[in-house]
Amino acid sequence: MIMTGSTDIGFDVRVSEAPLAAGERERILAAPGFGEVFTDHMITIRWDDGRGWHDARLEPYGPFTLDPATSVFHYAQEIFEGLKAYRTGGGEIVAFRPQANAARFNRSAARMAMPQLPAELFLESLELLVGQDRDWVPTAPEHSLYLRPFMIATQRGLGVNRPSVSYVFAVIASPAASYFRDGVHPVTVWLSEDYTRAAPGGTGEAKCGGNYAASFAGQQQATLQGCDQVVWLDALEHRLVEEMGGMNLFFVYGSGPHARLVTPALTGTLLPGVTRDTLLKLGPDLGIPSEEAVGDGNPGPITMRLREELLGIQYGNRPDPYGWVHKLA
């Protein structure tokens, strides 16, 4: 039993008796793809309205057993996060701003009428899983171990007049290759005028599965038009750009000393991305005015300068004045 340092919940550690062989793991890490192979362990913590958070475990990765009438299958009470564990040049395994993911997870939980998880417990879950499965963290440049914390409603029953009275929080991990496998290059985008991702007062700012399910038709349309990503417009007029299917948007206006960054404002209909917030802070530090507001298709010098600064901080090659890098193992 491992007692957490900041909560009253102890983790029951159940180490797998059949971890993947080292040779097979190395073969996978050489070309991991994304989200297809998972590490030997996972974190689970349960909640109910009588006991609160309890029964925290690190256990072998494996399936859940759920009744067909479990609430998550019918009413989509589900939220998740996504972040990376990666190796710095000094050999440490770190994550970038996981506290921001913990805070966003709880904002999503509040919007979906789900219990909030103490931020300390969120971070300790990541640290425990990565510490146990540290051999799964790739060593190749810009490869990482993708961490997927999520929470689902587990009450059995079909009533619709109240949220679930029980939940499971879990963290699973999957090795991932670099997003830009062949170097940084532009993506083509399709402006969706037929579909809407989110409307004012809805769940657009929550990281919940329903938002992504609702985006698939628009993404399919983009693919049929020969584009990589869909861009969503505002729900009221279909006139204002809000975000892309998988990320927030920034625009660079001007060049050189006259360049400035502009990104759509957070109005409750788009996801408050961690990278978005980071660039809004980094831009002014580099002398690039950044603002929130209601080229030739290649990444320009401002975009590349921001990327280089961000990667430099993440991998420990440049100062980290905001304390964004968090050691996991």
Protein backbone atom coordinates (compact mmCIF):
# COMPACT_ATOMS: atom_id res chain seq x y z
CA MET A 1 0.00 0.00 0.00
CA ILE A 2 1.35 3.45 -1.00
CA MET A 3 -0.10 6.40 0.92
CA THR A 4 -0.34 9.60 -1.08
CA GLY A 5 1.41 12.64 0.30
CA SER A 6 -1.51 15.05 0.11
CA THR A 7 -4.70 12.99 0.44
CA ASP A 8 -6.07 10.34 2.77
CA ILE A 9 -6.32 7.81 -0.06
CA GLY A 10 -3.75 5.04 -0.28
CA PHE A 11 -2.94 3.21 -3.51
CA ASP A 12 -3.08 -0.56 -3.51
CA VAL A 13 -0.22 -1.56 -5.82
CA ARG A 14 -0.82 -4.77 -7.75
CA VAL A 15 2.11 -5.32 -10.09
CA SER A 16 1.47 -7.39 -13.21
CA GLU A 17 2.78 -10.94 -13.09
CA ALA A 18 2.95 -11.07 -16.89
CA PRO A 19 4.46 -7.82 -18.22
CA LEU A 20 5.34 -7.63 -21.87
CA ALA A 21 8.80 -9.02 -22.61
CA ALA A 22 11.51 -6.39 -22.97
CA GLY A 23 12.32 -7.35 -26.54
CA GLU A 24 8.70 -7.06 -27.66
CA ARG A 25 8.36 -3.72 -25.87
CA GLU A 26 11.43 -2.36 -27.65
CA ARG A 27 10.03 -3.50 -30.99
CA ILE A 28 6.83 -1.56 -30.30
CA LEU A 29 8.71 1.55 -29.13
CA ALA A 30 10.67 1.64 -32.39
CA ALA A 31 7.44 2.47 -34.28
CA PRO A 32 4.67 3.05 -31.71
CA GLY A 33 2.05 4.81 -33.84
CA PHE A 34 -0.61 6.37 -31.65
CA GLY A 35 -3.08 4.90 -29.16
CA GLU A 36 -2.85 1.31 -30.34
CA VAL A 37 -0.64 -0.38 -27.74
CA PHE A 38 -0.84 0.15 -23.97
CA THR A 39 1.54 -0.29 -21.05
CA ASP A 40 1.44 -3.07 -18.48
CA HIS A 41 -0.52 -1.17 -15.83
CA MET A 42 -3.31 1.33 -15.24
CA ILE A 43 -4.68 3.44 -12.39
CA THR A 44 -8.26 3.11 -11.13
CA ILE A 45 -10.02 5.05 -8.35
CA ARG A 46 -13.69 4.73 -7.52
CA TRP A 47 -16.22 7.27 -6.24
CA ASP A 48 -19.72 6.97 -4.89
CA ASP A 49 -22.01 9.39 -3.11
CA GLY A 50 -21.57 7.59 0.20
CA ARG A 51 -17.79 7.19 0.43
CA GLY A 52 -16.41 9.74 -2.00
CA TRP A 53 -13.09 8.76 -3.59
CA HIS A 54 -11.86 5.32 -2.49
CA ASP A 55 -10.30 2.02 -3.62
CA ALA A 56 -7.33 3.55 -5.44
CA ARG A 57 -5.21 1.02 -7.30
CA LEU A 58 -2.29 0.58 -9.61
CA GLU A 59 -3.16 -2.69 -11.30
CA PRO A 60 -2.45 -4.71 -14.46
CA TYR A 61 -3.96 -3.18 -17.59
CA GLY A 62 -7.16 -4.94 -18.49
CA PRO A 63 -10.85 -4.62 -19.40
CA PHE A 64 -13.67 -3.27 -17.25
CA THR A 65 -16.78 -5.34 -16.60
CA LEU A 66 -19.89 -3.14 -16.87
CA ASP A 67 -23.60 -3.91 -16.95
CA PRO A 68 -25.34 -3.11 -20.27
CA ALA A 69 -27.51 -0.62 -18.37
CA THR A 70 -24.50 1.32 -17.03
CA SER A 71 -25.19 5.03 -17.25
CA VAL A 72 -22.16 5.97 -19.37
CA PHE A 73 -23.43 3.86 -22.27
CA HIS A 74 -26.74 5.73 -22.43
CA TYR A 75 -26.21 9.29 -21.18
CA ALA A 76 -22.52 9.90 -21.97
CA GLN A 77 -21.36 11.08 -18.57
CA GLU A 78 -17.69 10.80 -19.47
CA ILE A 79 -14.71 13.16 -19.49
CA PHE A 80 -11.03 12.75 -20.28
CA GLU A 81 -7.67 14.47 -20.58
CA GLY A 82 -4.60 13.92 -22.72
CA LEU A 83 -0.96 14.74 -21.95
CA LYS A 84 2.51 13.33 -22.50
CA ALA A 85 5.30 11.92 -20.37
CA TYR A 86 8.65 12.29 -22.09
CA ARG A 87 12.39 12.19 -21.44
CA THR A 88 14.49 15.32 -21.15
CA GLY A 89 18.09 15.58 -22.25
CA GLY A 90 19.10 15.04 -18.63
CA GLY A 91 17.27 11.73 -18.44
CA GLU A 92 14.33 12.80 -16.28
CA ILE A 93 10.81 11.77 -17.21
CA VAL A 94 8.54 14.81 -17.06
CA ALA A 95 5.17 16.18 -18.11
CA PHE A 96 4.40 19.69 -19.30
CA ARG A 97 1.94 21.64 -17.13
CA PRO A 98 -0.03 18.64 -15.80
CA GLN A 99 -1.53 20.93 -13.16
CA ALA A 100 -3.37 22.69 -15.99
CA ASN A 101 -4.75 19.35 -17.17
CA ALA A 102 -5.91 18.59 -13.62
CA ALA A 103 -7.69 21.94 -13.43
CA ARG A 104 -9.35 21.47 -16.82
CA PHE A 105 -10.40 17.95 -15.85
CA ASN A 106 -12.26 19.36 -12.87
CA ARG A 107 -13.89 22.10 -14.93
CA SER A 108 -15.12 19.39 -17.29
CA ALA A 109 -16.36 17.37 -14.32
CA ALA A 110 -18.33 20.32 -12.97
CA ARG A 111 -20.00 20.93 -16.34
CA MET A 112 -20.96 17.26 -16.67
CA ALA A 113 -22.28 17.06 -13.07
CA MET A 114 -19.51 14.64 -12.06
CA PRO A 115 -17.36 14.63 -8.90
CA GLN A 116 -14.16 16.63 -8.94
CA LEU A 117 -10.88 14.82 -8.30
CA PRO A 118 -8.33 16.51 -6.00
CA ALA A 119 -5.57 17.91 -8.21
CA GLU A 120 -2.94 16.28 -5.99
CA LEU A 121 -4.54 12.87 -6.56
CA PHE A 122 -4.64 13.47 -10.33
CA LEU A 123 -0.88 14.22 -10.32
CA GLU A 124 -0.03 11.33 -7.98
CA SER A 125 -1.90 8.96 -10.30
CA LEU A 126 0.30 10.05 -13.20
CA GLU A 127 3.47 9.79 -11.15
CA LEU A 128 2.65 6.31 -9.87
CA LEU A 129 1.75 4.92 -13.29
CA VAL A 130 4.73 6.45 -15.08
CA GLY A 131 7.08 5.41 -12.30
CA GLN A 132 5.91 1.80 -12.59
CA ASP A 133 5.91 1.73 -16.42
CA ARG A 134 8.90 4.03 -16.99
CA ASP A 135 10.50 1.54 -19.43
CA TRP A 136 7.61 2.31 -21.77
CA VAL A 137 8.65 5.97 -22.12
CA PRO A 138 10.35 6.20 -25.54
CA THR A 139 13.87 7.55 -25.96
CA ALA A 140 13.50 8.70 -29.59
CA PRO A 141 13.36 12.50 -30.08
CA GLU A 142 9.83 13.93 -29.67
CA HIS A 143 8.37 10.49 -28.97
CA SER A 144 6.45 10.23 -25.72
CA LEU A 145 4.21 8.16 -23.49
CA TYR A 146 0.69 9.47 -24.04
CA LEU A 147 -1.33 9.56 -20.80
CA ARG A 148 -5.12 9.32 -20.93
CA PRO A 149 -6.86 10.11 -17.62
CA PHE A 150 -10.63 9.65 -17.86
CA MET A 151 -13.75 9.25 -15.74
CA ILE A 152 -16.98 7.40 -16.51
CA ALA A 153 -20.37 7.07 -14.82
CA THR A 154 -20.93 3.53 -13.54
CA GLN A 155 -24.42 3.53 -11.99
CA ARG A 156 -26.67 0.75 -13.29
CA GLY A 157 -30.05 2.03 -14.45
CA LEU A 158 -31.81 4.03 -17.13
CA GLY A 159 -33.27 6.91 -15.11
CA VAL A 160 -32.61 10.33 -16.61
CA ASN A 161 -33.61 12.67 -13.80
CA ARG A 162 -30.23 12.86 -12.03
CA PRO A 163 -26.55 12.17 -12.64
CA SER A 164 -24.93 8.89 -11.74
CA VAL A 165 -24.17 8.14 -8.09
CA SER A 166 -20.96 6.23 -8.86
CA TYR A 167 -17.91 6.74 -11.08
CA VAL A 168 -14.52 5.28 -11.99
CA PHE A 169 -11.48 7.46 -12.63
CA ALA A 170 -8.72 5.73 -14.58
CA VAL A 171 -5.39 6.48 -16.25
CA ILE A 172 -4.00 4.41 -19.10
CA ALA A 173 -0.83 5.02 -21.10
CA SER A 174 0.27 4.39 -24.68
CA PRO A 175 3.62 5.09 -26.38
CA ALA A 176 3.33 7.62 -29.21
CA ALA A 177 5.47 8.75 -32.11
CA SER A 178 6.05 12.41 -32.98
CA TYR A 179 2.97 14.17 -34.36
CA PHE A 180 5.07 15.43 -37.28
CA ARG A 181 6.82 12.23 -38.28
CA ASP A 182 8.34 13.70 -41.46
CA GLY A 183 9.17 17.13 -40.08
CA VAL A 184 6.96 20.16 -39.49
CA HIS A 185 4.61 20.71 -42.37
CA PRO A 186 1.28 22.47 -42.89
CA VAL A 187 -2.08 20.72 -42.70
CA THR A 188 -4.99 21.44 -45.02
CA VAL A 189 -8.28 22.44 -43.40
CA TRP A 190 -11.96 22.44 -44.35
CA LEU A 191 -14.31 25.11 -43.00
CA SER A 192 -17.46 23.31 -41.89
CA GLU A 193 -20.59 25.24 -42.82
CA ASP A 194 -23.00 22.32 -42.41
CA TYR A 195 -22.21 21.20 -38.86
CA THR A 196 -21.70 22.89 -35.49
CA ARG A 197 -19.37 21.56 -32.81
CA ALA A 198 -20.77 23.52 -29.86
CA ALA A 199 -23.23 26.31 -29.02
CA PRO A 200 -23.31 28.90 -26.21
CA GLY A 201 -24.36 27.28 -22.97
CA GLY A 202 -23.44 23.81 -24.21
CA THR A 203 -20.48 21.56 -23.43
CA GLY A 204 -17.94 23.03 -25.85
CA GLU A 205 -15.43 23.96 -23.15
CA ALA A 206 -15.63 20.51 -21.50
CA LYS A 207 -13.35 17.71 -22.69
CA CYS A 208 -16.10 15.13 -22.97
CA GLY A 209 -16.52 12.31 -25.44
CA GLY A 210 -19.81 13.62 -26.82
CA ASN A 211 -18.08 16.66 -28.29
CA TYR A 212 -15.75 14.42 -30.27
CA ALA A 213 -18.49 12.04 -31.42
CA ALA A 214 -20.43 15.05 -32.71
CA SER A 215 -17.37 16.19 -34.69
CA PHE A 216 -16.85 12.97 -36.66
CA ALA A 217 -19.33 13.85 -39.42
CA GLY A 218 -17.58 17.17 -40.01
CA GLN A 219 -14.18 15.48 -40.02
CA GLN A 220 -15.43 12.91 -42.53
CA GLN A 221 -16.61 15.77 -44.73
CA ALA A 222 -13.17 17.37 -44.50
CA THR A 223 -11.52 14.10 -45.48
CA LEU A 224 -13.81 13.69 -48.47
CA GLN A 225 -12.74 17.16 -49.59
CA GLY A 226 -9.08 16.12 -49.41
CA CYS A 227 -8.32 18.01 -46.18
CA ASP A 228 -6.54 16.91 -43.01
CA GLN A 229 -8.65 18.71 -40.42
CA VAL A 230 -12.03 20.38 -39.99
CA VAL A 231 -12.31 23.97 -38.75
CA TRP A 232 -15.41 24.84 -36.75
CA LEU A 233 -17.28 28.11 -37.07
CA ASP A 234 -19.49 29.75 -34.46
CA ALA A 235 -22.95 28.25 -33.97
CA LEU A 236 -24.96 31.46 -34.26
CA GLU A 237 -23.80 32.89 -37.60
CA HIS A 238 -21.29 30.36 -38.99
CA ARG A 239 -19.04 33.35 -39.60
CA LEU A 240 -16.39 33.38 -36.85
CA VAL A 241 -13.58 30.82 -36.69
CA GLU A 242 -13.46 28.98 -33.35
CA GLU A 243 -11.19 25.92 -33.37
CA MET A 244 -10.02 22.88 -35.31
CA GLY A 245 -11.13 19.32 -34.84
CA GLY A 246 -8.12 18.38 -32.72
CA MET A 247 -6.57 21.63 -31.54
CA ASN A 248 -6.95 25.35 -31.00
CA LEU A 249 -6.15 27.89 -33.73
CA PHE A 250 -3.68 30.78 -33.82
CA PHE A 251 -3.21 33.33 -36.58
CA VAL A 252 -0.01 35.28 -37.23
CA TYR A 253 -0.61 38.80 -38.54
CA GLY A 254 2.30 40.77 -39.94
CA SER A 255 5.94 39.74 -39.85
CA GLY A 256 9.20 40.57 -38.12
CA PRO A 257 8.86 43.21 -35.39
CA HIS A 258 5.28 43.90 -36.50
CA ALA A 259 4.06 40.33 -36.05
CA ARG A 260 1.28 39.56 -33.58
CA LEU A 261 -0.59 36.44 -32.54
CA VAL A 262 -4.38 36.29 -32.51
CA THR A 263 -6.53 33.41 -31.29
CA PRO A 264 -10.30 33.09 -30.80
CA ALA A 265 -11.43 34.14 -27.33
CA LEU A 266 -12.76 31.64 -24.81
CA THR A 267 -16.52 32.13 -24.95
CA GLY A 268 -17.60 28.79 -23.51
CA THR A 269 -17.86 27.05 -26.88
CA LEU A 270 -14.24 26.01 -27.41
CA LEU A 271 -11.79 23.96 -25.40
CA PRO A 272 -9.27 25.98 -23.34
CA GLY A 273 -6.12 24.28 -24.59
CA VAL A 274 -2.97 24.06 -22.47
CA THR A 275 -0.78 24.85 -25.50
CA ARG A 276 -3.07 27.78 -26.31
CA ASP A 277 -2.57 29.25 -22.86
CA THR A 278 1.17 28.59 -23.03
CA LEU A 279 1.59 30.47 -26.32
CA LEU A 280 -0.40 33.43 -25.02
CA LYS A 281 2.21 33.68 -22.24
CA LEU A 282 5.28 32.90 -24.36
CA GLY A 283 4.44 35.33 -27.17
CA PRO A 284 4.88 38.53 -25.13
CA ASP A 285 8.03 37.07 -23.51
CA LEU A 286 9.50 36.85 -27.02
CA GLY A 287 8.33 40.34 -27.96
CA ILE A 288 5.34 39.07 -29.97
CA PRO A 289 2.07 40.68 -28.90
CA SER A 290 -0.63 38.07 -28.31
CA GLU A 291 -4.33 38.64 -28.07
CA GLU A 292 -7.67 36.88 -27.97
CA ALA A 293 -10.27 38.08 -30.45
CA VAL A 294 -13.98 37.37 -31.37
CA GLY A 295 0.24 33.22 -45.62
CA ASP A 296 1.50 30.82 -48.23
CA GLY A 297 0.51 27.67 -46.33
CA ASN A 298 3.94 27.03 -44.83
CA PRO A 299 4.89 27.57 -41.19
CA GLY A 300 6.47 31.01 -40.98
CA PRO A 301 9.34 32.28 -38.81
CA ILE A 302 7.05 33.39 -35.97
CA THR A 303 5.39 29.99 -35.78
CA MET A 304 8.74 28.21 -35.84
CA ARG A 305 10.24 30.56 -33.24
CA LEU A 306 7.38 29.85 -30.86
CA ARG A 307 7.66 26.12 -31.50
CA GLU A 308 11.41 26.13 -30.82
CA GLU A 309 10.96 28.10 -27.60
CA LEU A 310 8.19 25.80 -26.40
CA LEU A 311 10.16 22.63 -27.17
CA GLY A 312 13.25 24.14 -25.56
CA ILE A 313 11.38 24.66 -22.31
CA GLN A 314 9.72 21.26 -22.44
CA TYR A 315 12.98 19.35 -22.94
CA GLY A 316 15.05 21.40 -20.48
CA ASN A 317 17.18 23.15 -23.10
CA ARG A 318 15.89 26.62 -22.18
CA PRO A 319 14.90 28.24 -18.88
CA ASP A 320 11.49 27.38 -17.45
CA PRO A 321 10.51 30.69 -15.79
CA TYR A 322 6.92 29.61 -15.07
CA GLY A 323 7.75 26.20 -13.56
CA TRP A 324 5.77 24.39 -16.26
CA VAL A 325 7.84 21.17 -16.39
CA HIS A 326 6.76 18.63 -13.75
CA LYS A 327 8.95 15.63 -12.89
CA LEU A 328 7.07 12.32 -12.97
CA ALA A 329 9.89 9.80 -12.54
